[in-house]
């Protein structure tokens, strides 16, 4: 499996080659090049040092909590590839439901017992209980 650094190096080289081969499409390739460079920098910024934590790194798993629309977030697969850990759950953003929960004083799992957020929370709880 190629390392993230190797992937970005290869992808950027391919974009630059395409850009020089098709000058009429240069603005489009400039956009993709900038996007890929930004993603590379973001990925490098979040490179974790889980081994430096006082936990059993074999038991460390991921719970991805989206606080903004998923379209603007890192994908689950990117997070798993970057952290090299199993993902237990990906909890989607539900600001309206969260507000309703706060205003009613009832937990989200009670307001929507069969909803996606509740399913993901159950996965987290099940993972904790079975360890």
N, C-alpha and C. Protein backbone atom coordinates (compact mmCIF):
# COMPACT_ATOMS: atom_id res chain seq x y z
N UNK A 1 0.85 -1.18 0.00
CA UNK A 1 0.00 0.00 0.00
C UNK A 1 0.89 1.24 0.00
N UNK A 2 0.57 2.19 -0.85
CA UNK A 2 1.35 3.41 -0.97
C UNK A 2 1.12 4.31 0.25
N UNK A 3 2.17 4.97 0.70
CA UNK A 3 2.05 5.89 1.82
C UNK A 3 1.29 7.14 1.38
N UNK A 4 0.69 7.87 2.34
CA UNK A 4 0.01 9.11 1.97
C UNK A 4 0.95 10.08 1.24
N UNK A 5 2.20 10.20 1.71
CA UNK A 5 3.15 11.11 1.06
C UNK A 5 3.40 10.66 -0.38
N UNK A 6 3.55 9.37 -0.59
CA UNK A 6 3.76 8.83 -1.94
C UNK A 6 2.56 9.06 -2.83
N UNK A 7 1.37 8.91 -2.28
CA UNK A 7 0.15 9.14 -3.04
C UNK A 7 0.09 10.59 -3.52
N UNK A 8 0.32 11.53 -2.62
CA UNK A 8 0.24 12.94 -2.99
C UNK A 8 1.33 13.31 -4.01
N UNK A 9 2.52 12.77 -3.83
CA UNK A 9 3.61 13.03 -4.77
C UNK A 9 3.23 12.55 -6.17
N UNK A 10 2.70 11.33 -6.26
CA UNK A 10 2.29 10.74 -7.53
C UNK A 10 1.14 11.53 -8.16
N UNK A 11 0.13 11.83 -7.36
CA UNK A 11 -1.05 12.54 -7.87
C UNK A 11 -0.68 13.93 -8.36
N UNK A 12 0.15 14.64 -7.61
CA UNK A 12 0.57 15.98 -8.04
C UNK A 12 1.40 15.92 -9.32
N UNK A 13 2.25 14.93 -9.44
CA UNK A 13 3.05 14.77 -10.67
C UNK A 13 2.14 14.51 -11.87
N UNK A 14 1.10 13.69 -11.67
CA UNK A 14 0.16 13.42 -12.76
C UNK A 14 -0.61 14.67 -13.15
N UNK A 15 -1.05 15.44 -12.19
CA UNK A 15 -1.78 16.68 -12.49
C UNK A 15 -0.88 17.65 -13.25
N UNK A 16 0.37 17.78 -12.82
CA UNK A 16 1.30 18.70 -13.50
C UNK A 16 1.58 18.23 -14.93
N UNK A 17 1.69 16.92 -15.12
CA UNK A 17 1.92 16.39 -16.47
C UNK A 17 0.71 16.66 -17.36
N UNK A 18 -0.48 16.46 -16.83
CA UNK A 18 -1.70 16.75 -17.60
C UNK A 18 -1.80 18.23 -17.93
N UNK A 19 -1.42 19.06 -16.99
CA UNK A 19 -1.49 20.51 -17.19
C UNK A 19 -0.56 20.93 -18.33
N UNK A 20 0.63 20.38 -18.38
CA UNK A 20 1.55 20.76 -19.45
C UNK A 20 1.13 20.16 -20.80
N UNK A 21 0.43 19.04 -20.77
CA UNK A 21 -0.02 18.40 -22.02
C UNK A 21 -1.27 19.08 -22.59
N UNK A 22 -2.03 19.75 -21.74
CA UNK A 22 -3.28 20.38 -22.19
C UNK A 22 -3.35 21.81 -21.66
N UNK A 23 -2.58 22.72 -22.25
CA UNK A 23 -2.53 24.11 -21.74
C UNK A 23 -3.89 24.79 -21.72
N UNK A 24 -4.80 24.40 -22.60
CA UNK A 24 -6.12 25.02 -22.62
C UNK A 24 -6.93 24.70 -21.36
N UNK A 25 -6.55 23.66 -20.66
CA UNK A 25 -7.25 23.27 -19.43
C UNK A 25 -6.46 23.65 -18.18
N UNK A 26 -5.47 24.51 -18.33
CA UNK A 26 -4.61 24.88 -17.21
C UNK A 26 -5.38 25.40 -15.99
N UNK A 27 -6.40 26.27 -16.16
CA UNK A 27 -7.12 26.74 -14.97
C UNK A 27 -7.78 25.60 -14.18
N UNK A 28 -8.30 24.63 -14.88
CA UNK A 28 -8.92 23.48 -14.21
C UNK A 28 -7.87 22.68 -13.44
N UNK A 29 -6.73 22.43 -14.08
CA UNK A 29 -5.68 21.67 -13.41
C UNK A 29 -5.05 22.47 -12.26
N UNK A 30 -5.00 23.80 -12.39
CA UNK A 30 -4.53 24.64 -11.28
C UNK A 30 -5.44 24.44 -10.06
N UNK A 31 -6.74 24.38 -10.32
CA UNK A 31 -7.71 24.17 -9.24
C UNK A 31 -7.47 22.82 -8.57
N UNK A 32 -7.33 21.76 -9.36
CA UNK A 32 -7.12 20.43 -8.78
C UNK A 32 -5.78 20.35 -8.05
N UNK A 33 -4.78 21.01 -8.58
CA UNK A 33 -3.48 21.01 -7.92
C UNK A 33 -3.56 21.70 -6.56
N UNK A 34 -4.23 22.85 -6.51
CA UNK A 34 -4.39 23.58 -5.25
C UNK A 34 -5.20 22.76 -4.25
N UNK A 35 -6.24 22.12 -4.73
CA UNK A 35 -7.09 21.29 -3.87
C UNK A 35 -6.29 20.12 -3.29
N UNK A 36 -5.51 19.46 -4.12
CA UNK A 36 -4.72 18.32 -3.66
C UNK A 36 -3.64 18.76 -2.68
N UNK A 37 -3.01 19.90 -2.93
CA UNK A 37 -1.99 20.40 -2.00
C UNK A 37 -2.62 20.75 -0.64
N UNK A 38 -3.79 21.34 -0.67
CA UNK A 38 -4.48 21.67 0.59
C UNK A 38 -4.83 20.40 1.35
N UNK A 39 -5.29 19.38 0.63
CA UNK A 39 -5.63 18.11 1.29
C UNK A 39 -4.38 17.47 1.88
N UNK A 40 -3.26 17.55 1.15
CA UNK A 40 -2.00 16.98 1.65
C UNK A 40 -1.57 17.67 2.94
N UNK A 41 -1.68 19.00 2.97
CA UNK A 41 -1.30 19.76 4.16
C UNK A 41 -2.21 19.45 5.33
N UNK A 42 -3.51 19.32 5.05
CA UNK A 42 -4.46 18.98 6.11
C UNK A 42 -4.16 17.60 6.66
N UNK A 43 -3.90 16.66 5.78
CA UNK A 43 -3.59 15.30 6.20
C UNK A 43 -2.34 15.27 7.07
N UNK A 44 -1.31 16.02 6.67
CA UNK A 44 -0.06 16.06 7.44
C UNK A 44 -0.27 16.72 8.80
N UNK A 45 -1.15 17.72 8.85
CA UNK A 45 -1.40 18.42 10.11
C UNK A 45 -2.07 17.52 11.14
N UNK A 46 -2.81 16.53 10.66
CA UNK A 46 -3.55 15.66 11.57
C UNK A 46 -2.89 14.30 11.74
N UNK A 47 -1.63 14.18 11.33
CA UNK A 47 -0.90 12.94 11.51
C UNK A 47 -0.75 12.70 13.01
N UNK A 48 -1.36 11.67 13.54
CA UNK A 48 -1.37 11.47 14.99
C UNK A 48 -0.13 10.76 15.51
N UNK A 49 0.10 10.92 16.78
CA UNK A 49 1.13 10.16 17.47
C UNK A 49 0.43 9.36 18.57
N UNK A 50 -0.33 8.35 18.15
CA UNK A 50 -1.08 7.55 19.12
C UNK A 50 -0.16 6.76 20.02
N UNK A 51 1.05 6.46 19.54
CA UNK A 51 1.98 5.70 20.36
C UNK A 51 2.47 6.52 21.55
N UNK A 52 2.38 7.85 21.47
CA UNK A 52 2.80 8.71 22.56
C UNK A 52 1.77 8.80 23.68
N UNK A 53 0.57 8.30 23.44
CA UNK A 53 -0.48 8.33 24.46
C UNK A 53 -0.34 7.14 25.40
N UNK A 54 -0.83 7.29 26.60
CA UNK A 54 -0.75 6.21 27.58
C UNK A 54 -1.96 5.30 27.46
N UNK A 55 -2.10 4.68 26.27
CA UNK A 55 -3.20 3.73 26.04
C UNK A 55 -2.65 2.54 25.26
N UNK A 56 -3.38 1.47 25.30
CA UNK A 56 -3.02 0.30 24.51
C UNK A 56 -3.37 0.62 23.06
N UNK A 57 -2.36 0.88 22.24
CA UNK A 57 -2.61 1.32 20.86
C UNK A 57 -3.35 0.26 20.05
N UNK A 58 -3.29 -0.98 20.45
CA UNK A 58 -4.03 -2.02 19.74
C UNK A 58 -5.54 -1.90 19.97
N UNK A 59 -5.92 -1.24 21.07
CA UNK A 59 -7.34 -1.08 21.38
C UNK A 59 -7.90 0.26 20.91
N UNK A 60 -7.04 1.16 20.50
CA UNK A 60 -7.50 2.49 20.08
C UNK A 60 -8.30 2.36 18.79
N UNK A 61 -9.50 2.92 18.80
CA UNK A 61 -10.36 2.92 17.62
C UNK A 61 -10.93 4.31 17.42
N UNK A 62 -11.57 4.51 16.31
CA UNK A 62 -12.03 5.84 15.92
C UNK A 62 -13.54 5.99 16.08
N UNK A 63 -13.93 7.13 16.62
CA UNK A 63 -15.32 7.58 16.59
C UNK A 63 -15.27 8.94 15.89
N UNK A 64 -15.84 9.00 14.70
CA UNK A 64 -15.82 10.24 13.93
C UNK A 64 -17.10 11.01 14.22
N UNK A 65 -16.93 12.17 14.84
CA UNK A 65 -18.07 13.01 15.20
C UNK A 65 -18.08 14.23 14.29
N UNK A 66 -19.02 14.24 13.35
CA UNK A 66 -19.14 15.37 12.43
C UNK A 66 -19.89 16.50 13.12
N UNK A 67 -19.27 17.68 13.14
CA UNK A 67 -19.93 18.84 13.74
C UNK A 67 -20.39 19.83 12.68
N UNK A 68 -20.08 19.53 11.44
CA UNK A 68 -20.52 20.38 10.32
C UNK A 68 -20.97 19.45 9.21
N UNK A 69 -21.57 20.00 8.16
CA UNK A 69 -22.05 19.13 7.08
C UNK A 69 -20.95 18.20 6.58
N UNK A 70 -21.32 16.96 6.34
CA UNK A 70 -20.37 15.93 5.95
C UNK A 70 -19.62 16.29 4.67
N UNK A 71 -20.24 17.05 3.78
CA UNK A 71 -19.59 17.41 2.52
C UNK A 71 -18.33 18.23 2.73
N UNK A 72 -18.23 18.93 3.85
CA UNK A 72 -17.05 19.73 4.13
C UNK A 72 -16.07 19.03 5.05
N UNK A 73 -16.32 17.79 5.39
CA UNK A 73 -15.50 17.06 6.33
C UNK A 73 -14.60 16.06 5.63
N UNK A 74 -13.63 15.56 6.37
CA UNK A 74 -12.82 14.46 5.87
C UNK A 74 -13.70 13.23 5.76
N UNK A 75 -13.47 12.42 4.75
CA UNK A 75 -14.26 11.21 4.59
C UNK A 75 -13.83 10.18 5.63
N UNK A 76 -14.73 9.26 5.93
CA UNK A 76 -14.43 8.20 6.89
C UNK A 76 -13.21 7.40 6.43
N UNK A 77 -13.14 7.09 5.14
CA UNK A 77 -12.01 6.30 4.65
C UNK A 77 -10.69 7.05 4.79
N UNK A 78 -10.69 8.37 4.60
CA UNK A 78 -9.47 9.17 4.78
C UNK A 78 -9.02 9.12 6.23
N UNK A 79 -9.96 9.24 7.14
CA UNK A 79 -9.63 9.20 8.58
C UNK A 79 -9.05 7.84 8.95
N UNK A 80 -9.66 6.77 8.48
CA UNK A 80 -9.18 5.41 8.79
C UNK A 80 -7.79 5.20 8.20
N UNK A 81 -7.58 5.62 6.96
CA UNK A 81 -6.27 5.45 6.32
C UNK A 81 -5.20 6.27 7.02
N UNK A 82 -5.55 7.46 7.47
CA UNK A 82 -4.58 8.33 8.12
C UNK A 82 -4.21 7.83 9.51
N UNK A 83 -5.20 7.40 10.27
CA UNK A 83 -4.96 6.98 11.65
C UNK A 83 -4.60 5.51 11.79
N UNK A 84 -4.84 4.73 10.73
CA UNK A 84 -4.53 3.30 10.75
C UNK A 84 -5.21 2.59 11.91
N UNK A 85 -6.47 2.92 12.10
CA UNK A 85 -7.27 2.31 13.17
C UNK A 85 -8.65 1.97 12.64
N UNK A 86 -9.32 1.06 13.33
CA UNK A 86 -10.70 0.68 12.99
C UNK A 86 -11.65 1.81 13.40
N UNK A 87 -12.64 2.06 12.57
CA UNK A 87 -13.65 3.07 12.92
C UNK A 87 -14.86 2.36 13.52
N UNK A 88 -15.24 2.80 14.71
CA UNK A 88 -16.40 2.23 15.38
C UNK A 88 -17.68 2.85 14.85
N UNK A 89 -17.69 4.19 14.73
CA UNK A 89 -18.91 4.88 14.33
C UNK A 89 -18.57 6.23 13.71
N UNK A 90 -19.48 6.68 12.86
CA UNK A 90 -19.40 8.03 12.28
C UNK A 90 -20.73 8.70 12.59
N UNK A 91 -20.69 9.63 13.50
CA UNK A 91 -21.92 10.28 13.95
C UNK A 91 -22.15 11.54 13.13
N UNK A 92 -23.26 11.59 12.39
CA UNK A 92 -23.51 12.73 11.50
C UNK A 92 -23.94 13.97 12.26
N UNK A 93 -23.79 15.13 11.63
CA UNK A 93 -24.25 16.37 12.28
C UNK A 93 -25.78 16.43 12.22
N UNK A 94 -26.39 16.73 13.33
CA UNK A 94 -27.85 16.86 13.39
C UNK A 94 -28.20 18.05 14.29
N UNK A 95 -27.88 19.26 13.84
CA UNK A 95 -28.09 20.43 14.71
C UNK A 95 -29.54 20.63 15.13
N UNK A 96 -30.48 20.36 14.24
CA UNK A 96 -31.90 20.53 14.60
C UNK A 96 -32.30 19.54 15.69
N UNK A 97 -31.84 18.31 15.55
CA UNK A 97 -32.16 17.29 16.54
C UNK A 97 -31.45 17.59 17.87
N UNK A 98 -30.23 18.07 17.80
CA UNK A 98 -29.50 18.43 19.02
C UNK A 98 -30.22 19.57 19.75
N UNK A 99 -30.67 20.56 18.99
CA UNK A 99 -31.41 21.68 19.60
C UNK A 99 -32.70 21.18 20.23
N UNK A 100 -33.41 20.31 19.53
CA UNK A 100 -34.66 19.75 20.08
C UNK A 100 -34.37 18.98 21.37
N UNK A 101 -33.26 18.24 21.37
CA UNK A 101 -32.87 17.48 22.56
C UNK A 101 -32.61 18.40 23.74
N UNK A 102 -31.91 19.49 23.48
CA UNK A 102 -31.60 20.46 24.54
C UNK A 102 -32.88 21.11 25.06
N UNK A 103 -33.72 21.56 24.13
CA UNK A 103 -34.95 22.26 24.53
C UNK A 103 -35.94 21.36 25.25
N UNK A 104 -36.00 20.09 24.85
CA UNK A 104 -36.97 19.18 25.49
C UNK A 104 -36.39 18.50 26.73
N UNK A 105 -35.08 18.53 26.87
CA UNK A 105 -34.45 17.86 28.01
C UNK A 105 -34.42 16.35 27.84
N UNK A 106 -34.61 15.87 26.61
CA UNK A 106 -34.58 14.43 26.32
C UNK A 106 -33.37 14.10 25.46
N UNK A 107 -32.72 12.97 25.71
CA UNK A 107 -31.58 12.58 24.89
C UNK A 107 -32.00 12.29 23.44
N UNK A 108 -31.07 12.48 22.53
CA UNK A 108 -31.34 12.21 21.11
C UNK A 108 -31.81 10.77 20.92
N UNK A 109 -31.22 9.84 21.65
CA UNK A 109 -31.60 8.43 21.48
C UNK A 109 -33.05 8.18 21.88
N UNK A 110 -33.58 9.03 22.74
CA UNK A 110 -34.99 8.90 23.12
C UNK A 110 -35.90 9.58 22.09
N UNK A 111 -35.43 10.70 21.54
CA UNK A 111 -36.24 11.42 20.55
C UNK A 111 -36.35 10.64 19.23
N UNK A 112 -35.25 10.00 18.83
CA UNK A 112 -35.24 9.22 17.60
C UNK A 112 -34.60 7.86 17.88
N UNK A 113 -35.34 6.95 18.49
CA UNK A 113 -34.75 5.67 18.90
C UNK A 113 -34.26 4.80 17.75
N UNK A 114 -34.73 5.04 16.53
CA UNK A 114 -34.30 4.23 15.39
C UNK A 114 -33.50 5.05 14.38
N UNK A 115 -33.14 6.28 14.74
CA UNK A 115 -32.42 7.17 13.83
C UNK A 115 -30.95 6.78 13.68
N UNK A 116 -30.32 7.38 12.68
CA UNK A 116 -28.92 7.08 12.39
C UNK A 116 -27.99 7.44 13.55
N UNK A 117 -28.22 8.57 14.19
CA UNK A 117 -27.37 8.97 15.32
C UNK A 117 -27.48 7.94 16.44
N UNK A 118 -28.70 7.52 16.73
CA UNK A 118 -28.91 6.51 17.77
C UNK A 118 -28.22 5.20 17.41
N UNK A 119 -28.29 4.79 16.16
CA UNK A 119 -27.62 3.56 15.73
C UNK A 119 -26.11 3.66 15.95
N UNK A 120 -25.54 4.82 15.61
CA UNK A 120 -24.10 5.01 15.77
C UNK A 120 -23.70 5.04 17.24
N UNK A 121 -24.51 5.67 18.07
CA UNK A 121 -24.24 5.70 19.52
C UNK A 121 -24.31 4.29 20.09
N UNK A 122 -25.26 3.51 19.62
CA UNK A 122 -25.35 2.11 20.08
C UNK A 122 -24.09 1.33 19.70
N UNK A 123 -23.54 1.61 18.51
CA UNK A 123 -22.30 0.93 18.09
C UNK A 123 -21.16 1.28 19.04
N UNK A 124 -21.09 2.53 19.45
CA UNK A 124 -20.03 2.95 20.39
C UNK A 124 -20.21 2.22 21.72
N UNK A 125 -21.42 2.24 22.24
CA UNK A 125 -21.70 1.59 23.52
C UNK A 125 -21.40 0.10 23.43
N UNK A 126 -21.84 -0.55 22.36
CA UNK A 126 -21.59 -1.99 22.18
C UNK A 126 -20.09 -2.28 22.14
N UNK A 127 -19.34 -1.42 21.49
CA UNK A 127 -17.90 -1.61 21.41
C UNK A 127 -17.25 -1.50 22.78
N UNK A 128 -17.71 -0.56 23.58
CA UNK A 128 -17.17 -0.39 24.93
C UNK A 128 -17.53 -1.58 25.80
N UNK A 129 -18.76 -2.01 25.71
CA UNK A 129 -19.25 -3.12 26.55
C UNK A 129 -18.53 -4.42 26.23
N UNK A 130 -18.23 -4.66 24.94
CA UNK A 130 -17.62 -5.93 24.56
C UNK A 130 -16.12 -5.97 24.78
N UNK A 131 -15.49 -4.84 25.11
CA UNK A 131 -14.04 -4.83 25.35
C UNK A 131 -13.72 -5.23 26.74
